[in-house]
């Protein structure tokens, strides 16, 4: 008997899911849609927004398994953003700097903007977010959206954070992604005012349901 679920189900992330994790991140990386035309290096976005969470905090990494063992969605988080930022710089950045060296001037392309983000993890440390110590990323392939799977992923993560004693969680989303905002609103996330947030909106909620 296979130990894979027969229908889509949330399970813990496994190292064998890494290629699927990258694929999901890339295919949802531009306002929820495919980012591969914008970022020719298809590993760039996952190197910033997916892989470091799975590597540094695997206990807070969950995937939606499509029933065949393939991950078609994920939720990734850190329980403590300041600790994550420190580990990102000390443990993660050295493993990718040869491929993505630090920028030497003002970024001129979307990819250069992302490389700059990669090398400035301290951008995650905003005083207005201090009482929401955890933060998360959640993405689902279009084929599995609008079927309740995102809610299931989020509830799995919220329960895991609450079990660790984390009181609140936040996320930063591109303000223009109105579909994502509607999803977060339905899940009880509320705006966190941040001065000059740029293209992002910050949302937070308690981890308890």
N, C-alpha and C. Protein backbone atom coordinates (compact mmCIF):
# COMPACT_ATOMS: atom_id res chain seq x y z
N UNK A 1 0.84 -1.20 0.00
CA UNK A 1 0.00 0.00 0.00
C UNK A 1 0.88 1.25 0.00
N UNK A 2 0.49 2.25 -0.79
CA UNK A 2 1.20 3.51 -0.79
C UNK A 2 0.81 4.32 0.44
N UNK A 3 1.78 5.09 0.97
CA UNK A 3 1.46 5.96 2.09
C UNK A 3 1.03 7.34 1.62
N UNK A 4 0.87 7.53 0.29
CA UNK A 4 0.41 8.80 -0.22
C UNK A 4 -1.11 8.91 -0.05
N UNK A 5 -1.60 10.10 0.23
CA UNK A 5 -3.05 10.27 0.34
C UNK A 5 -3.71 10.05 -1.01
N UNK A 6 -4.97 9.62 -1.00
CA UNK A 6 -5.69 9.36 -2.24
C UNK A 6 -6.32 10.62 -2.80
N UNK A 7 -6.45 11.63 -1.99
CA UNK A 7 -7.01 12.90 -2.42
C UNK A 7 -6.11 13.99 -1.85
N UNK A 8 -6.22 15.22 -2.34
CA UNK A 8 -5.33 16.27 -1.80
C UNK A 8 -5.42 16.37 -0.29
N UNK A 9 -4.28 16.43 0.34
CA UNK A 9 -4.22 16.50 1.80
C UNK A 9 -2.94 17.21 2.22
N UNK A 10 -3.00 17.90 3.33
CA UNK A 10 -1.84 18.60 3.86
C UNK A 10 -0.97 17.62 4.64
N UNK A 11 0.32 17.73 4.43
CA UNK A 11 1.29 16.91 5.17
C UNK A 11 2.56 17.73 5.39
N UNK A 12 3.44 17.28 6.29
CA UNK A 12 4.70 17.99 6.48
C UNK A 12 5.56 17.97 5.21
N UNK A 13 6.31 19.02 5.02
CA UNK A 13 7.28 19.11 3.93
C UNK A 13 8.34 18.03 4.10
N UNK A 14 8.79 17.48 2.97
CA UNK A 14 9.90 16.53 2.95
C UNK A 14 10.97 17.05 1.99
N UNK A 15 12.25 16.75 2.24
CA UNK A 15 13.29 17.22 1.32
C UNK A 15 13.03 16.84 -0.13
N UNK A 16 12.38 15.73 -0.37
CA UNK A 16 12.07 15.32 -1.74
C UNK A 16 11.09 16.26 -2.43
N UNK A 17 10.44 17.14 -1.66
CA UNK A 17 9.49 18.10 -2.22
C UNK A 17 10.17 19.35 -2.77
N UNK A 18 11.47 19.44 -2.67
CA UNK A 18 12.13 20.71 -2.95
C UNK A 18 11.89 21.19 -4.39
N UNK A 19 11.99 20.31 -5.38
CA UNK A 19 11.76 20.74 -6.76
C UNK A 19 10.34 21.25 -6.94
N UNK A 20 9.37 20.58 -6.32
CA UNK A 20 7.98 21.03 -6.40
C UNK A 20 7.81 22.38 -5.70
N UNK A 21 8.50 22.56 -4.59
CA UNK A 21 8.45 23.84 -3.86
C UNK A 21 8.90 24.98 -4.78
N UNK A 22 10.01 24.76 -5.48
CA UNK A 22 10.52 25.78 -6.40
C UNK A 22 9.50 26.04 -7.50
N UNK A 23 8.93 24.99 -8.05
CA UNK A 23 7.98 25.14 -9.16
C UNK A 23 6.75 25.93 -8.73
N UNK A 24 6.22 25.62 -7.56
CA UNK A 24 5.04 26.34 -7.05
C UNK A 24 5.37 27.81 -6.87
N UNK A 25 6.52 28.10 -6.28
CA UNK A 25 6.91 29.48 -6.02
C UNK A 25 7.00 30.26 -7.33
N UNK A 26 7.63 29.69 -8.33
CA UNK A 26 7.81 30.38 -9.60
C UNK A 26 6.48 30.58 -10.32
N UNK A 27 5.62 29.58 -10.27
CA UNK A 27 4.37 29.65 -11.03
C UNK A 27 3.28 30.46 -10.33
N UNK A 28 3.58 30.95 -9.13
CA UNK A 28 2.64 31.83 -8.42
C UNK A 28 3.30 33.13 -8.00
N UNK A 29 4.48 33.43 -8.55
CA UNK A 29 5.33 34.49 -8.01
C UNK A 29 5.06 35.89 -8.50
N UNK A 30 4.13 36.05 -9.44
CA UNK A 30 3.83 37.39 -9.94
C UNK A 30 2.33 37.64 -9.79
N UNK A 31 1.98 38.30 -8.69
CA UNK A 31 0.57 38.56 -8.37
C UNK A 31 -0.26 37.29 -8.41
N UNK A 32 0.35 36.20 -7.94
CA UNK A 32 -0.35 34.92 -7.91
C UNK A 32 -0.25 34.13 -9.20
N UNK A 33 0.37 34.73 -10.23
CA UNK A 33 0.51 34.06 -11.52
C UNK A 33 1.94 33.71 -11.84
N UNK A 34 2.15 33.19 -13.05
CA UNK A 34 3.45 32.68 -13.47
C UNK A 34 4.46 33.82 -13.61
N UNK A 35 5.61 33.65 -12.98
CA UNK A 35 6.64 34.70 -13.00
C UNK A 35 7.81 34.37 -13.92
N UNK A 36 7.73 33.28 -14.66
CA UNK A 36 8.92 32.83 -15.39
C UNK A 36 9.33 33.77 -16.51
N UNK A 37 8.39 34.53 -17.09
CA UNK A 37 8.77 35.49 -18.13
C UNK A 37 9.48 36.70 -17.52
N UNK A 38 9.16 37.02 -16.28
CA UNK A 38 9.75 38.20 -15.63
C UNK A 38 11.13 37.90 -15.06
N UNK A 39 11.31 36.68 -14.55
CA UNK A 39 12.57 36.30 -13.90
C UNK A 39 13.16 35.11 -14.64
N UNK A 40 14.09 35.35 -15.57
CA UNK A 40 14.63 34.25 -16.39
C UNK A 40 15.30 33.14 -15.59
N UNK A 41 15.91 33.49 -14.46
CA UNK A 41 16.48 32.47 -13.57
C UNK A 41 15.35 31.97 -12.67
N UNK A 42 14.88 30.78 -12.95
CA UNK A 42 13.69 30.27 -12.27
C UNK A 42 13.96 29.82 -10.84
N UNK A 43 15.21 29.85 -10.42
CA UNK A 43 15.53 29.53 -9.03
C UNK A 43 15.57 30.77 -8.14
N UNK A 44 15.52 31.96 -8.73
CA UNK A 44 15.75 33.17 -7.96
C UNK A 44 14.68 33.40 -6.90
N UNK A 45 13.41 33.44 -7.28
CA UNK A 45 12.36 33.69 -6.29
C UNK A 45 12.32 32.62 -5.20
N UNK A 46 12.41 31.33 -5.56
CA UNK A 46 12.40 30.31 -4.50
C UNK A 46 13.59 30.43 -3.55
N UNK A 47 14.72 30.93 -4.04
CA UNK A 47 15.89 31.09 -3.19
C UNK A 47 15.65 32.13 -2.10
N UNK A 48 14.74 33.07 -2.37
CA UNK A 48 14.43 34.12 -1.40
C UNK A 48 13.23 33.76 -0.53
N UNK A 49 12.16 33.29 -1.17
CA UNK A 49 10.85 33.22 -0.51
C UNK A 49 10.38 31.82 -0.14
N UNK A 50 11.11 30.78 -0.52
CA UNK A 50 10.63 29.42 -0.24
C UNK A 50 11.70 28.56 0.42
N UNK A 51 12.77 28.30 -0.29
CA UNK A 51 13.77 27.33 0.19
C UNK A 51 14.34 27.65 1.57
N UNK A 52 14.68 28.91 1.89
CA UNK A 52 15.29 29.14 3.21
C UNK A 52 14.37 28.76 4.37
N UNK A 53 13.06 28.90 4.17
CA UNK A 53 12.12 28.52 5.23
C UNK A 53 12.11 27.01 5.41
N UNK A 54 12.07 26.29 4.31
CA UNK A 54 12.04 24.83 4.38
C UNK A 54 13.33 24.28 4.97
N UNK A 55 14.44 24.94 4.69
CA UNK A 55 15.74 24.48 5.19
C UNK A 55 15.95 24.88 6.65
N UNK A 56 15.63 26.12 6.98
CA UNK A 56 15.94 26.63 8.32
C UNK A 56 14.87 26.27 9.35
N UNK A 57 13.60 26.15 8.93
CA UNK A 57 12.54 25.82 9.87
C UNK A 57 11.59 24.76 9.28
N UNK A 58 12.11 23.57 9.04
CA UNK A 58 11.30 22.53 8.41
C UNK A 58 10.08 22.12 9.21
N UNK A 59 10.09 22.32 10.53
CA UNK A 59 8.93 21.95 11.34
C UNK A 59 7.73 22.86 11.09
N UNK A 60 7.97 24.00 10.42
CA UNK A 60 6.88 24.91 10.08
C UNK A 60 6.68 24.99 8.57
N UNK A 61 6.99 23.91 7.88
CA UNK A 61 6.81 23.81 6.43
C UNK A 61 5.83 22.68 6.13
N UNK A 62 4.75 23.02 5.46
CA UNK A 62 3.71 22.05 5.12
C UNK A 62 3.36 22.19 3.64
N UNK A 63 2.99 21.06 3.03
CA UNK A 63 2.61 21.09 1.62
C UNK A 63 1.23 20.47 1.45
N UNK A 64 0.59 20.84 0.35
CA UNK A 64 -0.62 20.16 -0.09
C UNK A 64 -0.18 19.09 -1.08
N UNK A 65 -0.39 17.84 -0.72
CA UNK A 65 -0.09 16.68 -1.56
C UNK A 65 -1.30 16.40 -2.43
N UNK A 66 -1.09 16.26 -3.75
CA UNK A 66 -2.22 16.10 -4.66
C UNK A 66 -2.82 14.69 -4.65
N UNK A 67 -2.27 13.81 -3.80
CA UNK A 67 -2.76 12.45 -3.73
C UNK A 67 -1.84 11.45 -4.38
N UNK A 68 -0.82 11.96 -5.12
CA UNK A 68 0.16 11.09 -5.76
C UNK A 68 1.54 11.25 -5.17
N UNK A 69 1.66 12.08 -4.15
CA UNK A 69 2.96 12.39 -3.57
C UNK A 69 3.54 13.70 -4.04
N UNK A 70 2.90 14.36 -5.00
CA UNK A 70 3.41 15.62 -5.55
C UNK A 70 2.83 16.80 -4.78
N UNK A 71 3.70 17.71 -4.38
CA UNK A 71 3.26 18.92 -3.70
C UNK A 71 2.72 19.91 -4.73
N UNK A 72 1.53 20.44 -4.47
CA UNK A 72 0.90 21.41 -5.38
C UNK A 72 0.60 22.73 -4.65
N UNK A 73 1.01 22.82 -3.42
CA UNK A 73 0.86 24.04 -2.64
C UNK A 73 1.71 23.93 -1.39
N UNK A 74 1.95 25.06 -0.75
CA UNK A 74 2.74 25.03 0.48
C UNK A 74 2.37 26.21 1.36
N UNK A 75 2.67 26.05 2.64
CA UNK A 75 2.74 27.17 3.57
C UNK A 75 4.04 27.02 4.34
N UNK A 76 4.79 28.10 4.44
CA UNK A 76 6.11 28.11 5.06
C UNK A 76 6.16 29.26 6.04
N UNK A 77 6.88 29.06 7.13
CA UNK A 77 6.89 30.12 8.14
C UNK A 77 8.14 30.05 9.00
N UNK A 78 8.34 31.13 9.72
CA UNK A 78 9.28 31.16 10.83
C UNK A 78 8.51 31.56 12.07
N UNK A 79 8.87 30.99 13.20
CA UNK A 79 8.22 31.32 14.45
C UNK A 79 8.72 32.64 15.02
N UNK A 80 9.94 33.04 14.63
CA UNK A 80 10.55 34.23 15.21
C UNK A 80 11.33 34.96 14.12
N UNK A 81 10.80 36.06 13.65
CA UNK A 81 11.39 36.74 12.50
C UNK A 81 12.81 37.23 12.78
N UNK A 82 13.12 37.87 13.93
CA UNK A 82 14.50 38.31 14.14
C UNK A 82 15.51 37.15 14.10
N UNK A 83 15.15 36.02 14.69
CA UNK A 83 16.05 34.87 14.65
C UNK A 83 16.22 34.37 13.22
N UNK A 84 15.12 34.33 12.48
CA UNK A 84 15.18 33.90 11.08
C UNK A 84 16.08 34.81 10.26
N UNK A 85 15.97 36.12 10.46
CA UNK A 85 16.80 37.06 9.71
C UNK A 85 18.27 36.81 9.99
N UNK A 86 18.60 36.58 11.24
CA UNK A 86 19.99 36.31 11.59
C UNK A 86 20.49 35.02 10.94
N UNK A 87 19.66 33.98 11.00
CA UNK A 87 20.07 32.70 10.41
C UNK A 87 20.11 32.79 8.88
N UNK A 88 19.20 33.56 8.29
CA UNK A 88 19.22 33.76 6.84
C UNK A 88 20.56 34.33 6.42
N UNK A 89 21.01 35.36 7.14
CA UNK A 89 22.29 35.98 6.79
C UNK A 89 23.47 35.07 7.08
N UNK A 90 23.45 34.41 8.21
CA UNK A 90 24.62 33.63 8.63
C UNK A 90 24.68 32.24 8.00
N UNK A 91 23.52 31.62 7.77
CA UNK A 91 23.50 30.23 7.33
C UNK A 91 23.03 30.05 5.88
N UNK A 92 22.06 30.86 5.45
CA UNK A 92 21.51 30.66 4.11
C UNK A 92 22.27 31.45 3.04
N UNK A 93 22.51 32.72 3.28
CA UNK A 93 23.16 33.54 2.26
C UNK A 93 24.50 32.97 1.79
N UNK A 94 25.35 32.46 2.68
CA UNK A 94 26.63 31.93 2.19
C UNK A 94 26.48 30.78 1.20
N UNK A 95 25.35 30.08 1.24
CA UNK A 95 25.16 28.95 0.32
C UNK A 95 24.72 29.38 -1.07
N UNK A 96 24.30 30.63 -1.23
CA UNK A 96 23.77 31.08 -2.53
C UNK A 96 24.50 32.30 -3.09
N UNK A 97 25.44 32.86 -2.35
CA UNK A 97 26.09 34.10 -2.78
C UNK A 97 26.93 33.90 -4.03
N UNK A 98 27.53 32.74 -4.22
CA UNK A 98 28.30 32.51 -5.45
C UNK A 98 27.41 32.64 -6.67
N UNK A 99 26.20 32.15 -6.58
CA UNK A 99 25.26 32.22 -7.72
C UNK A 99 24.64 33.60 -7.84
N UNK A 100 24.37 34.21 -6.69
CA UNK A 100 23.72 35.53 -6.67
C UNK A 100 24.58 36.50 -5.87
N UNK A 101 25.62 37.04 -6.47
CA UNK A 101 26.49 37.96 -5.71
C UNK A 101 25.76 39.23 -5.34
N UNK A 102 26.24 39.92 -4.31
CA UNK A 102 25.58 41.16 -3.88
C UNK A 102 25.56 42.19 -5.01
N UNK A 103 24.49 42.96 -5.11
CA UNK A 103 24.43 43.99 -6.15
C UNK A 103 25.46 45.07 -5.89
N UNK A 104 25.94 45.68 -6.97
CA UNK A 104 26.97 46.71 -6.85
C UNK A 104 26.43 48.11 -7.12
N UNK A 105 25.19 48.21 -7.52
CA UNK A 105 24.60 49.52 -7.76
C UNK A 105 23.09 49.43 -7.64
N UNK A 106 22.42 50.48 -8.08
CA UNK A 106 20.96 50.47 -8.03
C UNK A 106 20.41 49.41 -8.99
N UNK A 107 19.44 48.61 -8.53
CA UNK A 107 18.89 47.58 -9.41
C UNK A 107 18.16 48.18 -10.60
N UNK A 108 18.39 47.59 -11.78
CA UNK A 108 17.81 48.12 -13.02
C UNK A 108 16.82 47.17 -13.66
N UNK A 109 16.73 45.94 -13.17
CA UNK A 109 15.81 44.95 -13.73
C UNK A 109 15.04 44.29 -12.59
N UNK A 110 13.91 43.65 -12.87
CA UNK A 110 13.21 42.92 -11.81
C UNK A 110 14.09 41.91 -11.09
N UNK A 111 14.94 41.22 -11.84
CA UNK A 111 15.82 40.23 -11.21
C UNK A 111 16.80 40.89 -10.26
N UNK A 112 17.33 42.04 -10.67
CA UNK A 112 18.28 42.76 -9.79
C UNK A 112 17.59 43.27 -8.53
N UNK A 113 16.33 43.65 -8.65
CA UNK A 113 15.57 44.03 -7.46
C UNK A 113 15.48 42.86 -6.49
N UNK A 114 15.22 41.67 -7.02
CA UNK A 114 15.09 40.50 -6.17
C UNK A 114 16.43 40.11 -5.53
N UNK A 115 17.51 40.24 -6.28
CA UNK A 115 18.82 39.94 -5.69
C UNK A 115 19.11 40.90 -4.55
N UNK A 116 18.71 42.15 -4.72
CA UNK A 116 18.88 43.10 -3.62
C UNK A 116 18.08 42.67 -2.39
N UNK A 117 16.84 42.20 -2.60
CA UNK A 117 16.04 41.70 -1.48
C UNK A 117 16.73 40.51 -0.82
N UNK A 118 17.28 39.62 -1.63
CA UNK A 118 17.98 38.45 -1.09
C UNK A 118 19.08 38.87 -0.12
N UNK A 119 19.79 39.94 -0.46
CA UNK A 119 20.94 40.35 0.34
C UNK A 119 20.58 41.34 1.45
N UNK A 120 19.30 41.63 1.62
CA UNK A 120 18.89 42.53 2.71
C UNK A 120 17.77 41.91 3.53
N UNK A 121 18.02 40.77 4.17
CA UNK A 121 16.96 40.14 4.96
C UNK A 121 16.48 41.02 6.11
N UNK A 122 17.30 41.99 6.51
CA UNK A 122 16.90 42.89 7.60
C UNK A 122 15.68 43.74 7.24
N UNK A 123 15.31 43.78 5.96
CA UNK A 123 14.08 44.49 5.55
C UNK A 123 12.86 43.91 6.23
N UNK A 124 12.96 42.66 6.73
CA UNK A 124 11.83 42.00 7.40
C UNK A 124 11.62 42.52 8.82
N UNK A 125 12.57 43.29 9.33
CA UNK A 125 12.52 43.72 10.73
C UNK A 125 11.92 45.11 10.81
N UNK A 126 10.62 45.18 10.96
CA UNK A 126 9.93 46.45 11.11
C UNK A 126 9.36 46.54 12.52
N UNK A 127 9.56 47.67 13.21
CA UNK A 127 9.09 47.76 14.60
C UNK A 127 7.59 47.54 14.74
N UNK A 128 6.82 47.92 13.72
CA UNK A 128 5.37 47.76 13.79
C UNK A 128 4.94 46.30 13.80
N UNK A 129 5.84 45.40 13.40
CA UNK A 129 5.53 43.97 13.33
C UNK A 129 6.04 43.19 14.54
N UNK A 130 6.64 43.89 15.50
CA UNK A 130 7.33 43.20 16.59
C UNK A 130 6.41 42.33 17.43
N UNK A 131 5.14 42.71 17.57
CA UNK A 131 4.25 41.88 18.38
C UNK A 131 3.57 40.79 17.55
N UNK A 132 3.97 40.65 16.29
CA UNK A 132 3.57 39.52 15.43
C UNK A 132 4.87 38.80 15.03
N UNK A 133 5.49 38.06 15.95
CA UNK A 133 6.86 37.58 15.71
C UNK A 133 7.00 36.59 14.56
N UNK A 134 5.97 35.80 14.29
CA UNK A 134 6.04 34.84 13.19
C UNK A 134 5.65 35.52 11.88
N UNK A 135 6.17 35.00 10.77
CA UNK A 135 5.65 35.42 9.47
C UNK A 135 5.62 34.22 8.53
N UNK A 136 4.84 34.34 7.45
CA UNK A 136 4.57 33.17 6.61
C UNK A 136 4.53 33.54 5.13
N UNK A 137 4.64 32.48 4.30
CA UNK A 137 4.38 32.54 2.87
C UNK A 137 3.48 31.36 2.52
N UNK A 138 2.46 31.60 1.72
CA UNK A 138 1.56 30.52 1.30
C UNK A 138 1.29 30.67 -0.20
N UNK A 139 1.37 29.56 -0.94
CA UNK A 139 1.13 29.56 -2.37
C UNK A 139 0.51 28.24 -2.79
N UNK A 140 -0.42 28.32 -3.73
CA UNK A 140 -1.10 27.15 -4.29
C UNK A 140 -1.11 27.26 -5.80
N UNK A 141 -0.84 26.16 -6.48
CA UNK A 141 -0.99 26.17 -7.93
C UNK A 141 -2.44 26.47 -8.30
N UNK A 142 -2.66 27.15 -9.43
CA UNK A 142 -4.03 27.50 -9.83
C UNK A 142 -4.97 26.30 -9.88
N UNK A 143 -4.45 25.14 -10.23
CA UNK A 143 -5.30 23.94 -10.34
C UNK A 143 -5.93 23.53 -9.02
N UNK A 144 -5.36 24.02 -7.91
CA UNK A 144 -5.86 23.60 -6.60
C UNK A 144 -6.34 24.79 -5.75
N UNK A 145 -6.56 25.92 -6.40
CA UNK A 145 -7.10 27.09 -5.70
C UNK A 145 -8.62 27.03 -5.66
N UNK A 146 -9.17 27.81 -4.73
CA UNK A 146 -10.63 27.97 -4.60
C UNK A 146 -11.34 26.64 -4.32
N UNK A 147 -10.66 25.77 -3.58
CA UNK A 147 -11.27 24.50 -3.20
C UNK A 147 -11.14 24.23 -1.71
N UNK A 148 -10.74 25.25 -0.94
CA UNK A 148 -10.59 25.09 0.50
C UNK A 148 -9.22 24.64 0.95
N UNK A 149 -8.31 24.37 -0.02
CA UNK A 149 -6.99 23.85 0.35
C UNK A 149 -6.13 24.93 1.01
N UNK A 150 -6.26 26.18 0.56
CA UNK A 150 -5.49 27.24 1.19
C UNK A 150 -5.87 27.43 2.64
N UNK A 151 -7.15 27.37 2.91
CA UNK A 151 -7.60 27.47 4.30
C UNK A 151 -7.04 26.31 5.13
N UNK A 152 -7.03 25.12 4.56
CA UNK A 152 -6.51 23.95 5.28
C UNK A 152 -5.02 24.11 5.57
N UNK A 153 -4.27 24.59 4.59
CA UNK A 153 -2.84 24.85 4.81
C UNK A 153 -2.65 25.87 5.92
N UNK A 154 -3.40 26.95 5.85
CA UNK A 154 -3.24 28.02 6.84
C UNK A 154 -3.59 27.53 8.24
N UNK A 155 -4.67 26.80 8.37
CA UNK A 155 -5.06 26.31 9.69
C UNK A 155 -4.02 25.34 10.25
N UNK A 156 -3.42 24.53 9.38
CA UNK A 156 -2.36 23.62 9.84
C UNK A 156 -1.20 24.41 10.41
N UNK A 157 -0.82 25.48 9.71
CA UNK A 157 0.29 26.30 10.20
C UNK A 157 -0.08 27.03 11.48
N UNK A 158 -1.26 27.63 11.52
CA UNK A 158 -1.67 28.36 12.72
C UNK A 158 -1.66 27.45 13.94
N UNK A 159 -2.13 26.23 13.78
CA UNK A 159 -2.13 25.28 14.89
C UNK A 159 -0.69 24.96 15.33
N UNK A 160 0.22 24.81 14.36
CA UNK A 160 1.61 24.50 14.69
C UNK A 160 2.26 25.68 15.42
N UNK A 161 1.99 26.89 14.97
CA UNK A 161 2.55 28.07 15.65
C UNK A 161 1.98 28.21 17.06
N UNK A 162 0.67 28.01 17.19
CA UNK A 162 0.06 28.11 18.51
C UNK A 162 0.65 27.07 19.46
N UNK A 163 0.91 25.87 18.95
CA UNK A 163 1.50 24.81 19.78
C UNK A 163 2.90 25.17 20.26
N UNK A 164 3.59 26.03 19.50
CA UNK A 164 4.92 26.50 19.91
C UNK A 164 4.85 27.72 20.82
N UNK A 165 3.64 28.19 21.11
CA UNK A 165 3.48 29.34 21.99
C UNK A 165 3.65 30.68 21.30
N UNK A 166 3.57 30.69 19.97
CA UNK A 166 3.70 31.94 19.21
C UNK A 166 2.34 32.63 19.20
N UNK A 167 2.22 33.88 19.66
CA UNK A 167 0.90 34.49 19.81
C UNK A 167 0.30 35.02 18.52
N UNK A 168 1.13 35.59 17.64
CA UNK A 168 0.60 36.24 16.45
C UNK A 168 1.53 36.01 15.26
N UNK A 169 0.97 36.10 14.06
CA UNK A 169 1.72 35.89 12.82
C UNK A 169 1.37 37.02 11.85
N UNK A 170 2.33 37.37 11.00
CA UNK A 170 2.07 38.39 9.99
C UNK A 170 2.55 37.91 8.63
N UNK A 171 2.18 38.66 7.62
CA UNK A 171 2.66 38.42 6.26
C UNK A 171 2.71 39.75 5.54
N UNK A 172 3.54 39.80 4.50
CA UNK A 172 3.58 40.96 3.62
C UNK A 172 3.15 40.53 2.24
N UNK A 173 2.15 41.18 1.68
CA UNK A 173 1.65 40.81 0.37
C UNK A 173 1.69 42.02 -0.57
N UNK A 174 1.86 41.75 -1.85
CA UNK A 174 1.84 42.81 -2.84
C UNK A 174 0.42 43.39 -2.86
N UNK A 175 0.33 44.68 -2.62
CA UNK A 175 -0.97 45.32 -2.47
C UNK A 175 -1.86 45.11 -3.68
N UNK A 176 -1.28 45.04 -4.86
CA UNK A 176 -2.07 44.89 -6.08
C UNK A 176 -2.73 43.52 -6.22
N UNK A 177 -2.32 42.56 -5.41
CA UNK A 177 -2.88 41.20 -5.52
C UNK A 177 -4.20 41.13 -4.75
N UNK A 178 -5.26 41.62 -5.37
CA UNK A 178 -6.54 41.74 -4.68
C UNK A 178 -7.16 40.39 -4.34
N UNK A 179 -6.90 39.38 -5.16
CA UNK A 179 -7.44 38.05 -4.87
C UNK A 179 -6.83 37.49 -3.60
N UNK A 180 -5.52 37.67 -3.43
CA UNK A 180 -4.87 37.21 -2.21
C UNK A 180 -5.41 37.96 -1.00
N UNK A 181 -5.63 39.26 -1.16
CA UNK A 181 -6.13 40.05 -0.03
C UNK A 181 -7.50 39.54 0.41
N UNK A 182 -8.36 39.20 -0.53
CA UNK A 182 -9.68 38.68 -0.18
C UNK A 182 -9.56 37.37 0.59
N UNK A 183 -8.61 36.53 0.18
CA UNK A 183 -8.38 35.26 0.87
C UNK A 183 -7.94 35.51 2.31
N UNK A 184 -6.99 36.41 2.51
CA UNK A 184 -6.50 36.68 3.86
C UNK A 184 -7.58 37.32 4.72
N UNK A 185 -8.36 38.20 4.13
CA UNK A 185 -9.46 38.82 4.89
C UNK A 185 -10.42 37.75 5.41
N UNK A 186 -10.74 36.78 4.56
CA UNK A 186 -11.66 35.72 4.98
C UNK A 186 -11.09 34.89 6.11
N UNK A 187 -9.77 34.83 6.19
CA UNK A 187 -9.12 34.03 7.23
C UNK A 187 -8.85 34.84 8.50
N UNK A 188 -9.33 36.07 8.55
CA UNK A 188 -9.21 36.84 9.78
C UNK A 188 -7.97 37.68 9.91
N UNK A 189 -7.20 37.82 8.82
CA UNK A 189 -6.04 38.72 8.86
C UNK A 189 -6.53 40.15 8.76
N UNK A 190 -5.85 41.05 9.49
CA UNK A 190 -6.22 42.45 9.50
C UNK A 190 -4.98 43.31 9.22
N UNK A 191 -5.17 44.49 8.62
CA UNK A 191 -4.02 45.33 8.27
C UNK A 191 -3.21 45.75 9.49
N UNK A 192 -1.90 45.80 9.31
CA UNK A 192 -0.98 46.35 10.29
C UNK A 192 -0.38 47.61 9.69
N UNK A 193 -0.70 48.79 10.23
CA UNK A 193 -0.17 50.03 9.65
C UNK A 193 1.35 50.09 9.74
N UNK A 194 1.98 50.32 8.60
CA UNK A 194 3.43 50.45 8.52
C UNK A 194 3.73 51.71 7.71
N UNK A 195 4.53 52.65 8.23
CA UNK A 195 4.86 53.84 7.46
C UNK A 195 5.62 53.49 6.18
N UNK A 196 5.23 54.10 5.08
CA UNK A 196 5.91 53.93 3.79
C UNK A 196 6.14 52.45 3.47
N UNK A 197 5.07 51.66 3.32
CA UNK A 197 5.24 50.22 3.10
C UNK A 197 5.65 49.85 1.68
N UNK A 198 5.76 50.84 0.78
CA UNK A 198 6.11 50.54 -0.60
C UNK A 198 4.99 49.77 -1.27
N UNK A 199 5.32 48.74 -2.06
CA UNK A 199 4.28 48.01 -2.79
C UNK A 199 3.56 46.96 -1.95
N UNK A 200 3.88 46.89 -0.66
CA UNK A 200 3.35 45.81 0.17
C UNK A 200 2.25 46.31 1.11
N UNK A 201 1.39 45.39 1.46
CA UNK A 201 0.44 45.55 2.56
C UNK A 201 0.79 44.50 3.61
N UNK A 202 0.84 44.90 4.87
CA UNK A 202 1.14 43.96 5.95
C UNK A 202 -0.15 43.62 6.68
N UNK A 203 -0.32 42.32 6.90
CA UNK A 203 -1.52 41.80 7.57
C UNK A 203 -1.10 40.89 8.71
N UNK A 204 -1.91 40.81 9.75
CA UNK A 204 -1.60 39.93 10.87
C UNK A 204 -2.84 39.41 11.54
N UNK A 205 -2.65 38.38 12.36
CA UNK A 205 -3.75 37.82 13.15
C UNK A 205 -3.17 36.96 14.26
N UNK A 206 -3.97 36.67 15.29
CA UNK A 206 -3.53 35.71 16.31
C UNK A 206 -3.41 34.31 15.71
N UNK A 207 -2.58 33.49 16.33
CA UNK A 207 -2.43 32.12 15.84
C UNK A 207 -3.56 31.21 16.33
N UNK A 208 -4.23 31.58 17.40
CA UNK A 208 -5.31 30.75 17.90
C UNK A 208 -6.56 30.96 17.04
N UNK A 209 -7.33 29.87 16.89
CA UNK A 209 -8.52 29.93 16.02
C UNK A 209 -9.79 29.90 16.86
